[in-house]
C-alpha atoms as a PDB file:
ATOM      1  CA  MET A   1      11.327 143.680 319.820  1.00  0.00           C
ATOM      2  CA  ARG A   2      14.914 144.414 318.780  1.00  0.00           C
ATOM      3  CA  GLU A   3      15.688 144.348 315.077  1.00  0.00           C
ATOM      4  CA  ASN A   4      19.073 143.208 313.808  1.00  0.00           C
ATOM      5  CA  PRO A   5      21.186 146.071 312.413  1.00  0.00           C
ATOM      6  CA  GLY A   6      21.697 146.216 308.675  1.00  0.00           C
ATOM      7  CA  THR A   7      24.896 145.041 307.095  1.00  0.00           C
ATOM      8  CA  GLY A   8      25.320 147.492 304.241  1.00  0.00           C
ATOM      9  CA  ALA A   9      27.969 149.530 306.087  1.00  0.00           C
ATOM     10  CA  SER A  10      29.285 146.799 308.373  1.00  0.00           C
ATOM     11  CA  ALA A  11      32.795 147.002 306.888  1.00  0.00           C
ATOM     12  CA  GLU A  12      33.225 150.637 307.972  1.00  0.00           C
ATOM     13  CA  PRO A  13      35.366 151.240 311.053  1.00  0.00           C
ATOM     14  CA  HIS A  14      33.369 151.467 314.265  1.00  0.00           C
ATOM     15  CA  ARG A  15      35.042 154.801 314.990  1.00  0.00           C
ATOM     16  CA  LEU A  16      33.667 156.245 311.748  1.00  0.00           C
ATOM     17  CA  LEU A  17      30.164 155.001 312.460  1.00  0.00           C
ATOM     18  CA  ARG A  18      30.215 156.711 315.853  1.00  0.00           C
ATOM     19  CA  ARG A  19      30.922 160.032 314.172  1.00  0.00           C
ATOM     20  CA  GLN A  20      28.023 159.597 311.754  1.00  0.00           C
ATOM     21  CA  GLN A  21      25.127 158.766 314.023  1.00  0.00           C
ATOM     22  CA  ALA A  22      21.708 159.988 312.917  1.00  0.00           C
ATOM     23  CA  ARG A  23      20.523 162.967 314.933  1.00  0.00           C
ATOM     24  CA  VAL A  24      17.309 164.946 315.155  1.00  0.00           C
ATOM     25  CA  PRO A  25      17.280 167.428 312.243  1.00  0.00           C
ATOM     26  CA  THR A  26      18.541 170.927 313.035  1.00  0.00           C
ATOM     27  CA  LEU A  27      18.851 173.977 310.829  1.00  0.00           C
ATOM     28  CA  PRO A  28      22.656 174.375 311.236  1.00  0.00           C
ATOM     29  CA  GLU A  29      23.363 170.734 310.439  1.00  0.00           C
ATOM     30  CA  TYR A  30      21.063 170.556 307.411  1.00  0.00           C
ATOM     31  CA  LEU A  31      22.352 173.809 305.893  1.00  0.00           C
ATOM     32  CA  LYS A  32      25.923 172.572 306.231  1.00  0.00           C
ATOM     33  CA  GLN A  33      24.968 169.244 304.686  1.00  0.00           C
ATOM     34  CA  VAL A  34      23.350 170.823 301.618  1.00  0.00           C
ATOM     35  CA  ARG A  35      26.352 173.122 301.158  1.00  0.00           C
ATOM     36  CA  VAL A  36      29.006 170.405 301.254  1.00  0.00           C
ATOM     37  CA  GLN A  37      26.921 168.089 299.076  1.00  0.00           C
ATOM     38  CA  GLN A  38      26.605 170.633 296.279  1.00  0.00           C
ATOM     39  CA  LYS A  39      28.175 169.479 293.027  1.00  0.00           C
ATOM     40  CA  PRO A  40      30.913 170.595 292.976  1.00  0.00           C
ATOM     41  CA  LYS A  41      31.295 170.871 296.754  1.00  0.00           C
ATOM     42  CA  LEU A  42      31.026 174.465 297.945  1.00  0.00           C
ATOM     43  CA  SER A  43      33.455 176.016 300.385  1.00  0.00           C
ATOM     44  CA  ARG A  44      31.961 178.723 302.588  1.00  0.00           C
ATOM     45  CA  ARG A  45      33.822 181.301 300.513  1.00  0.00           C
ATOM     46  CA  ASN A  46      32.277 179.992 297.290  1.00  0.00           C
ATOM     47  CA  ALA A  47      28.891 179.772 299.022  1.00  0.00           C
ATOM     48  CA  GLU A  48      29.161 183.492 299.765  1.00  0.00           C
ATOM     49  CA  SER A  49      29.419 184.310 296.061  1.00  0.00           C
ATOM     50  CA  LYS A  50      26.420 182.097 295.245  1.00  0.00           C
ATOM     51  CA  THR A  51      24.118 183.220 298.064  1.00  0.00           C
ATOM     52  CA  GLY A  52      25.133 186.754 298.925  1.00  0.00           C
ATOM     53  CA  VAL A  53      25.531 185.689 302.556  1.00  0.00           C
ATOM     54  CA  SER A  54      28.998 186.334 303.993  1.00  0.00           C
ATOM     55  CA  GLU A  55      31.382 183.460 304.611  1.00  0.00           C
ATOM     56  CA  HIS A  56      31.558 184.336 308.321  1.00  0.00           C
ATOM     57  CA  TYR A  57      27.780 184.520 308.664  1.00  0.00           C
ATOM     58  CA  ILE A  58      27.427 181.098 306.990  1.00  0.00           C
ATOM     59  CA  ARG A  59      30.009 179.703 309.421  1.00  0.00           C
ATOM     60  CA  ASP A  60      28.123 181.143 312.412  1.00  0.00           C
ATOM     61  CA  ILE A  61      24.824 179.702 311.136  1.00  0.00           C
ATOM     62  CA  GLU A  62      26.329 176.243 310.560  1.00  0.00           C
ATOM     63  CA  THR A  63      27.917 176.166 314.008  1.00  0.00           C
ATOM     64  CA  GLY A  64      24.730 177.351 315.713  1.00  0.00           C
ATOM     65  CA  GLN A  65      26.211 180.636 316.906  1.00  0.00           C
ATOM     66  CA  ARG A  66      23.712 182.788 315.007  1.00  0.00           C
ATOM     67  CA  GLN A  67      20.044 182.362 314.189  1.00  0.00           C
ATOM     68  CA  PRO A  68      19.472 183.484 310.590  1.00  0.00           C
ATOM     69  CA  SER A  69      16.646 185.766 309.597  1.00  0.00           C
ATOM     70  CA  ALA A  70      13.903 184.618 307.242  1.00  0.00           C
ATOM     71  CA  HIS A  71      15.473 186.828 304.554  1.00  0.00           C
ATOM     72  CA  THR A  72      18.846 185.129 304.949  1.00  0.00           C
ATOM     73  CA  ILE A  73      17.204 181.732 304.751  1.00  0.00           C
ATOM     74  CA  GLU A  74      15.607 182.697 301.441  1.00  0.00           C
ATOM     75  CA  GLN A  75      19.027 183.793 300.139  1.00  0.00           C
ATOM     76  CA  LEU A  76      20.504 180.419 301.062  1.00  0.00           C
ATOM     77  CA  ILE A  77      17.574 178.535 299.537  1.00  0.00           C
ATOM     78  CA  ALA A  78      17.997 180.415 296.266  1.00  0.00           C
ATOM     79  CA  GLY A  79      21.789 180.236 296.227  1.00  0.00           C
ATOM     80  CA  TYR A  80      21.874 176.514 296.950  1.00  0.00           C
ATOM     81  CA  GLN A  81      19.050 175.972 294.438  1.00  0.00           C
ATOM     82  CA  LEU A  82      17.045 173.857 296.867  1.00  0.00           C
ATOM     83  CA  ILE A  83      14.024 172.090 295.433  1.00  0.00           C
ATOM     84  CA  PRO A  84      10.619 172.776 297.058  1.00  0.00           C
ATOM     85  CA  PRO A  85      10.649 169.946 299.661  1.00  0.00           C
ATOM     86  CA  GLN A  86      14.148 170.933 300.796  1.00  0.00           C
ATOM     87  CA  ALA A  87      13.173 174.607 300.950  1.00  0.00           C
ATOM     88  CA  ARG A  88      10.086 173.771 302.994  1.00  0.00           C
ATOM     89  CA  HIS A  89      12.206 171.694 305.370  1.00  0.00           C
ATOM     90  CA  VAL A  90      14.632 174.574 305.903  1.00  0.00           C
ATOM     91  CA  ARG A  91      11.787 176.981 306.624  1.00  0.00           C
ATOM     92  CA  GLU A  92      10.242 174.537 309.089  1.00  0.00           C
ATOM     93  CA  LEU A  93      13.594 174.127 310.855  1.00  0.00           C
ATOM     94  CA  LEU A  94      13.732 177.915 311.255  1.00  0.00           C
ATOM     95  CA  ALA A  95      10.198 177.968 312.703  1.00  0.00           C
ATOM     96  CA  PRO A  96       9.365 176.734 316.230  1.00  0.00           C
ATOM     97  CA  PRO A  97       8.820 172.964 316.519  1.00  0.00           C
ATOM     98  CA  ILE A  98       5.276 171.613 316.559  1.00  0.00           C
ATOM     99  CA  ASP A  99       3.937 169.348 319.293  1.00  0.00           C
ATOM    100  CA  LEU A 100       2.821 165.824 318.426  1.00  0.00           C
ATOM    101  CA  THR A 101       0.023 163.922 320.158  1.00  0.00           C
ATOM    102  CA  PRO A 102       1.360 160.914 322.116  1.00  0.00           C
ATOM    103  CA  THR A 103       1.119 157.661 320.179  1.00  0.00           C
ATOM    104  CA  GLU A 104      -0.831 155.953 322.968  1.00  0.00           C
ATOM    105  CA  THR A 105      -3.465 158.707 322.846  1.00  0.00           C
ATOM    106  CA  LEU A 106      -3.788 158.416 319.067  1.00  0.00           C
ATOM    107  CA  HIS A 107      -4.068 154.628 319.288  1.00  0.00           C
ATOM    108  CA  SER A 108      -6.921 154.976 321.783  1.00  0.00           C
ATOM    109  CA  GLN A 109      -8.700 157.627 319.701  1.00  0.00           C
ATOM    110  CA  VAL A 110      -8.530 155.528 316.540  1.00  0.00           C
ATOM    111  CA  HIS A 111      -9.859 152.414 318.255  1.00  0.00           C
ATOM    112  CA  ARG A 112     -12.702 154.399 319.862  1.00  0.00           C
ATOM    113  CA  SER A 113     -13.784 156.027 316.596  1.00  0.00           C
ATOM    114  CA  GLN A 114     -16.553 153.958 315.056  1.00  0.00           C
ATOM    115  CA  GLY A 115     -16.257 155.957 311.841  1.00  0.00           C
ATOM    116  CA  LEU A 116     -12.583 155.087 311.414  1.00  0.00           C
ATOM    117  CA  LEU A 117     -13.183 151.440 312.312  1.00  0.00           C
ATOM    118  CA  ASP A 118     -16.067 151.187 309.846  1.00  0.00           C
ATOM    119  CA  HIS A 119     -13.985 152.780 307.091  1.00  0.00           C
ATOM    120  CA  MET A 120     -11.175 150.309 307.702  1.00  0.00           C
ATOM    121  CA  SER A 121     -13.665 147.426 307.422  1.00  0.00           C
ATOM    122  CA  ILE A 122     -14.952 148.768 304.103  1.00  0.00           C
ATOM    123  CA  LEU A 123     -11.416 149.017 302.731  1.00  0.00           C
ATOM    124  CA  GLU A 124     -10.685 145.470 303.870  1.00  0.00           C
ATOM    125  CA  ASP A 125     -13.824 144.177 302.143  1.00  0.00           C
ATOM    126  CA  ARG A 126     -12.687 145.885 298.943  1.00  0.00           C
ATOM    127  CA  GLY A 127      -9.225 144.314 299.104  1.00  0.00           C
ATOM    128  CA  VAL A 128      -7.416 147.628 299.672  1.00  0.00           C
ATOM    129  CA  LEU A 129      -4.259 147.627 301.775  1.00  0.00           C
ATOM    130  CA  ALA A 130      -4.821 150.197 304.515  1.00  0.00           C
ATOM    131  CA  ALA A 131      -3.329 151.420 307.777  1.00  0.00           C
ATOM    132  CA  TYR A 132      -3.809 154.303 310.192  1.00  0.00           C
ATOM    133  CA  VAL A 133      -0.448 155.709 311.311  1.00  0.00           C
ATOM    134  CA  ASP A 134       0.825 158.819 313.034  1.00  0.00           C
ATOM    135  CA  PRO A 135       3.154 161.240 311.189  1.00  0.00           C
ATOM    136  CA  LEU A 136       6.200 159.253 312.375  1.00  0.00           C
ATOM    137  CA  LEU A 137       4.734 156.054 310.889  1.00  0.00           C
ATOM    138  CA  ASN A 138       3.826 154.467 314.218  1.00  0.00           C
ATOM    139  CA  VAL A 139       1.116 151.942 313.395  1.00  0.00           C
ATOM    140  CA  LEU A 140      -2.247 152.604 315.045  1.00  0.00           C
ATOM    141  CA  LEU A 141      -4.401 150.136 313.111  1.00  0.00           C
ATOM    142  CA  LEU A 142      -3.923 148.101 309.935  1.00  0.00           C
ATOM    143  CA  ASN A 143      -6.079 145.668 308.011  1.00  0.00           C
ATOM    144  CA  LYS A 144      -5.277 142.082 307.108  1.00  0.00           C
ATOM    145  CA  HIS A 145      -4.253 142.978 303.542  1.00  0.00           C
ATOM    146  CA  MET A 146      -1.604 145.409 304.774  1.00  0.00           C
ATOM    147  CA  LEU A 147      -0.409 142.879 307.329  1.00  0.00           C
ATOM    148  CA  ARG A 148      -0.080 140.231 304.636  1.00  0.00           C
ATOM    149  CA  ALA A 149       2.055 142.592 302.543  1.00  0.00           C
ATOM    150  CA  TYR A 150       4.045 143.707 305.618  1.00  0.00           C
ATOM    151  CA  PRO A 151       4.404 140.511 307.702  1.00  0.00           C
ATOM    152  CA  ARG A 152       4.731 141.172 311.452  1.00  0.00           C
ATOM    153  CA  LEU A 153       4.409 144.931 311.054  1.00  0.00           C
ATOM    154  CA  ASP A 154       1.927 144.852 313.923  1.00  0.00           C
ATOM    155  CA  GLU A 155       4.658 143.438 316.169  1.00  0.00           C
ATOM    156  CA  VAL A 156       7.338 145.908 315.085  1.00  0.00           C
ATOM    157  CA  GLY A 157       4.875 148.780 315.464  1.00  0.00           C
ATOM    158  CA  ASN A 158       6.478 151.251 313.054  1.00  0.00           C
ATOM    159  CA  VAL A 159       7.066 151.142 309.302  1.00  0.00           C
ATOM    160  CA  ALA A 160      10.650 152.447 309.422  1.00  0.00           C
ATOM    161  CA  PRO A 161      12.166 149.803 311.743  1.00  0.00           C
ATOM    162  CA  TRP A 162      10.238 147.181 309.768  1.00  0.00           C
ATOM    163  CA  ILE A 163      11.865 148.316 306.505  1.00  0.00           C
ATOM    164  CA  PHE A 164      15.359 148.390 308.009  1.00  0.00           C
ATOM    165  CA  GLY A 165      14.838 145.223 310.031  1.00  0.00           C
ATOM    166  CA  PRO A 166      14.911 141.532 309.122  1.00  0.00           C
ATOM    167  CA  TYR A 167      11.223 141.060 308.264  1.00  0.00           C
ATOM    168  CA  SER A 168      11.386 143.128 305.050  1.00  0.00           C
ATOM    169  CA  ARG A 169      14.113 140.961 303.539  1.00  0.00           C
ATOM    170  CA  GLY A 170      12.626 138.709 300.895  1.00  0.00           C
ATOM    171  CA  VAL A 171       9.402 140.740 301.033  1.00  0.00           C
ATOM    172  CA  LEU A 172      10.284 144.123 299.550  1.00  0.00           C
ATOM    173  CA  THR A 173      11.619 143.670 296.038  1.00  0.00           C
ATOM    174  CA  ASP A 174      12.986 147.231 295.912  1.00  0.00           C
ATOM    175  CA  ARG A 175      14.131 147.547 299.503  1.00  0.00           C
ATOM    176  CA  ALA A 176      16.739 150.222 298.726  1.00  0.00           C
ATOM    177  CA  ASN A 177      14.087 152.526 297.301  1.00  0.00           C
ATOM    178  CA  GLU A 178      11.817 152.003 300.316  1.00  0.00           C
ATOM    179  CA  ALA A 179      14.696 152.744 302.685  1.00  0.00           C
ATOM    180  CA  ASP A 180      15.460 155.973 300.842  1.00  0.00           C
ATOM    181  CA  GLN A 181      11.781 156.934 300.823  1.00  0.00           C
ATOM    182  CA  VAL A 182      11.249 156.419 304.528  1.00  0.00           C
ATOM    183  CA  VAL A 183      14.378 158.354 305.518  1.00  0.00           C
ATOM    184  CA  ALA A 184      13.366 161.315 303.343  1.00  0.00           C
ATOM    185  CA  LEU A 185       9.889 161.276 304.896  1.00  0.00           C
ATOM    186  CA  LEU A 186      11.162 160.956 308.470  1.00  0.00           C
ATOM    187  CA  LYS A 187      13.581 163.853 308.021  1.00  0.00           C
ATOM    188  CA  ALA A 188      10.677 166.093 307.054  1.00  0.00           C
ATOM    189  CA  VAL A 189       8.427 164.941 309.879  1.00  0.00           C
ATOM    190  CA  MET A 190      11.145 164.932 312.536  1.00  0.00           C
ATOM    191  CA  GLY A 191      12.181 168.429 311.529  1.00  0.00           C
ATOM    192  CA  ARG A 192       8.651 169.640 312.129  1.00  0.00           C
ATOM    193  CA  HIS A 193       8.257 167.658 315.382  1.00  0.00           C
ATOM    194  CA  ARG A 194      11.891 167.752 316.487  1.00  0.00           C
ATOM    195  CA  ASN A 195      11.106 168.229 320.196  1.00  0.00           C
ATOM    196  CA  ALA A 196       8.535 165.421 320.383  1.00  0.00           C
ATOM    197  CA  PRO A 197       9.503 162.468 322.603  1.00  0.00           C
ATOM    198  CA  GLN A 198       8.354 160.131 319.814  1.00  0.00           C
ATOM    199  CA  THR A 199      11.053 161.563 317.542  1.00  0.00           C
ATOM    200  CA  THR A 200      13.805 160.814 320.052  1.00  0.00           C
ATOM    201  CA  HIS A 201      12.407 157.340 320.728  1.00  0.00           C
ATOM    202  CA  LEU A 202      12.176 156.369 317.062  1.00  0.00           C
ATOM    203  CA  LEU A 203      15.692 157.592 316.308  1.00  0.00           C
ATOM    204  CA  SER A 204      16.986 155.535 319.235  1.00  0.00           C
ATOM    205  CA  ARG A 205      15.385 152.449 317.634  1.00  0.00           C
ATOM    206  CA  LEU A 206      16.809 153.162 314.203  1.00  0.00           C
ATOM    207  CA  ARG A 207      20.265 154.406 315.155  1.00  0.00           C
ATOM    208  CA  PRO A 208      21.823 150.943 315.723  1.00  0.00           C
ATOM    209  CA  ASN A 209      21.164 150.151 312.058  1.00  0.00           C
ATOM    210  CA  ASN A 210      24.189 150.949 309.881  1.00  0.00           C
ATOM    211  CA  ASP A 211      22.170 151.271 306.670  1.00  0.00           C
ATOM    212  CA  PHE A 212      19.831 153.774 308.278  1.00  0.00           C
ATOM    213  CA  ASN A 213      22.716 155.884 309.576  1.00  0.00           C
ATOM    214  CA  ARG A 214      24.442 155.848 306.202  1.00  0.00           C
ATOM    215  CA  ILE A 215      21.355 157.084 304.347  1.00  0.00           C
ATOM    216  CA  TRP A 216      20.435 159.617 307.028  1.00  0.00           C
ATOM    217  CA  THR A 217      23.874 161.221 307.212  1.00  0.00           C
ATOM    218  CA  THR A 218      24.801 161.207 303.516  1.00  0.00           C
ATOM    219  CA  ARG A 219      21.627 162.284 301.721  1.00  0.00           C
ATOM    220  CA  THR A 220      19.791 165.589 301.696  1.00  0.00           C
ATOM    221  CA  ARG A 221      16.564 164.339 300.126  1.00  0.00           C
ATOM    222  CA  ILE A 222      13.350 165.467 301.855  1.00  0.00           C
ATOM    223  CA  ALA A 223       9.869 164.093 301.108  1.00  0.00           C
ATOM    224  CA  TYR A 224       6.402 165.217 302.161  1.00  0.00           C
ATOM    225  CA  GLY A 225       4.592 162.568 300.168  1.00  0.00           C
ATOM    226  CA  ARG A 226       5.088 160.030 297.446  1.00  0.00           C
ATOM    227  CA  GLU A 227       4.455 160.068 293.736  1.00  0.00           C
ATOM    228  CA  THR A 228       1.729 157.561 292.848  1.00  0.00           C
ATOM    229  CA  THR A 229       3.934 156.247 290.034  1.00  0.00           C
ATOM    230  CA  ASP A 230       6.713 155.458 292.521  1.00  0.00           C
ATOM    231  CA  TYR A 231       5.337 152.032 293.308  1.00  0.00           C
ATOM    232  CA  LEU A 232       5.723 149.994 296.447  1.00  0.00           C
ATOM    233  CA  ARG A 233       6.865 146.555 295.267  1.00  0.00           C
ATOM    234  CA  TRP A 234       6.760 143.333 297.257  1.00  0.00           C
ATOM    235  CA  ARG A 235       6.550 139.564 297.040  1.00  0.00           C
ATOM    236  CA  ASP A 236       3.610 137.773 298.644  1.00  0.00           C
ATOM    237  CA  GLN A 237       5.050 135.383 301.206  1.00  0.00           C
ATOM    238  CA  ILE A 238       2.284 132.817 300.715  1.00  0.00           C
ATOM    239  CA  THR A 239       1.957 132.629 296.931  1.00  0.00           C
ATOM    240  CA  GLY A 240       5.337 134.048 295.855  1.00  0.00           C
ATOM    241  CA  GLU A 241       3.581 136.459 293.467  1.00  0.00           C
ATOM    242  CA  ARG A 242       5.078 139.900 292.960  1.00  0.00           C
ATOM    243  CA  PHE A 243       2.821 142.908 293.467  1.00  0.00           C
ATOM    244  CA  ALA A 244       3.160 146.658 293.119  1.00  0.00           C
ATOM    245  CA  ALA A 245       0.979 149.401 294.544  1.00  0.00           C
ATOM    246  CA  SER A 246       0.377 153.114 294.228  1.00  0.00           C
ATOM    247  CA  ILE A 247       0.494 154.717 297.679  1.00  0.00           C
ATOM    248  CA  TYR A 248      -1.965 157.387 298.783  1.00  0.00           C
ATOM    249  CA  SER A 249      -2.155 159.174 302.124  1.00  0.00           C
ATOM    250  CA  THR A 250      -4.845 161.401 303.583  1.00  0.00           C
ATOM    251  CA  ASP A 251      -5.642 163.042 306.889  1.00  0.00           C
ATOM    252  CA  VAL A 252      -8.661 161.801 308.829  1.00  0.00           C
ATOM    253  CA  GLU A 253     -10.972 163.171 311.506  1.00  0.00           C
ATOM    254  CA  VAL A 254      -8.452 162.595 314.304  1.00  0.00           C
ATOM    255  CA  PRO A 255      -5.587 165.142 314.273  1.00  0.00           C
ATOM    256  CA  ASP A 256      -2.101 163.631 313.784  1.00  0.00           C
ATOM    257  CA  VAL A 257      -3.567 160.483 312.220  1.00  0.00           C
ATOM    258  CA  VAL A 258      -2.922 159.609 308.578  1.00  0.00           C
ATOM    259  CA  LEU A 259      -4.635 156.940 306.491  1.00  0.00           C
ATOM    260  CA  TYR A 260      -2.311 155.143 304.080  1.00  0.00           C
ATOM    261  CA  LEU A 261      -3.859 153.249 301.166  1.00  0.00           C
ATOM    262  CA  ALA A 262      -2.166 150.938 298.676  1.00  0.00           C
ATOM    263  CA  PHE A 263      -4.023 150.042 295.479  1.00  0.00           C
ATOM    264  CA  HIS A 264      -2.193 147.040 294.119  1.00  0.00           C
ATOM    265  CA  LYS A 265      -2.041 144.694 291.174  1.00  0.00           C
ATOM    266  CA  ARG A 266       0.487 142.224 289.832  1.00  0.00           C
ATOM    267  CA  ASP A 267       3.897 143.798 289.354  1.00  0.00           C
ATOM    268  CA  ASN A 268       4.230 142.523 285.770  1.00  0.00           C
ATOM    269  CA  ASP A 269       0.998 144.294 284.818  1.00  0.00           C
ATOM    270  CA  ILE A 270       2.271 147.618 286.181  1.00  0.00           C
ATOM    271  CA  ARG A 271       5.680 147.233 284.527  1.00  0.00           C
ATOM    272  CA  GLY A 272       3.892 146.628 281.267  1.00  0.00           C
ATOM    273  CA  ASP A 273       2.032 149.936 281.642  1.00  0.00           C
ATOM    274  CA  THR A 274       5.208 152.003 281.937  1.00  0.00           C
END
């Protein structure tokens, strides 16, 4: 199924959008991005004084002509004052990429695991929103509560295109936050699994969306999880009620499979707690 592209950057010239297409994360590109997005913006000469790495060496790293050492990477992390998720991302981009189990294999393993199926049934009986996904947020199995909160997610097959596509409009009440969250998460995961075919395939699905490209190419945020107080907020499409949920994720018995749980209550109740 093809999702309609977003409209947030539709007024930008087509030529500009072509130059700012989302690409698989690389160490040279990310290091350049964090340098130029420093406040104030750092030239390579000023970056040399902050990091202790020569201007010419920084240029060669950013253009892919030299592979930095681990020591140099630590100098850049300290000089650019990267926060822990960004620093981890840089280190993972320096390390060799990690393979990722094909989505079809994971789907089969989840549906053959009686333990995982039984656990999903228990969560459904308890009214907990739950889904098994792979690290790239490809949906492997979800319960009826999650499907009610994310209408037609089973058809779209991945959380990210669902968020940036038409089905999330009128459902997510803080869609901008969810878009920012999913991009930060995907950057981390795609950096780790940058050679996986699933990474290339998902980016090809998301790239036609102008909003996705804008966030991907202009922000350096990286996420390896989500604060439980950063609530997912949505409107029930049947009753019109607004809900909010704390999101939890945990690994399960099948490698490369993650269980996502959402413990929800009425949004007004949560806002009243804060």
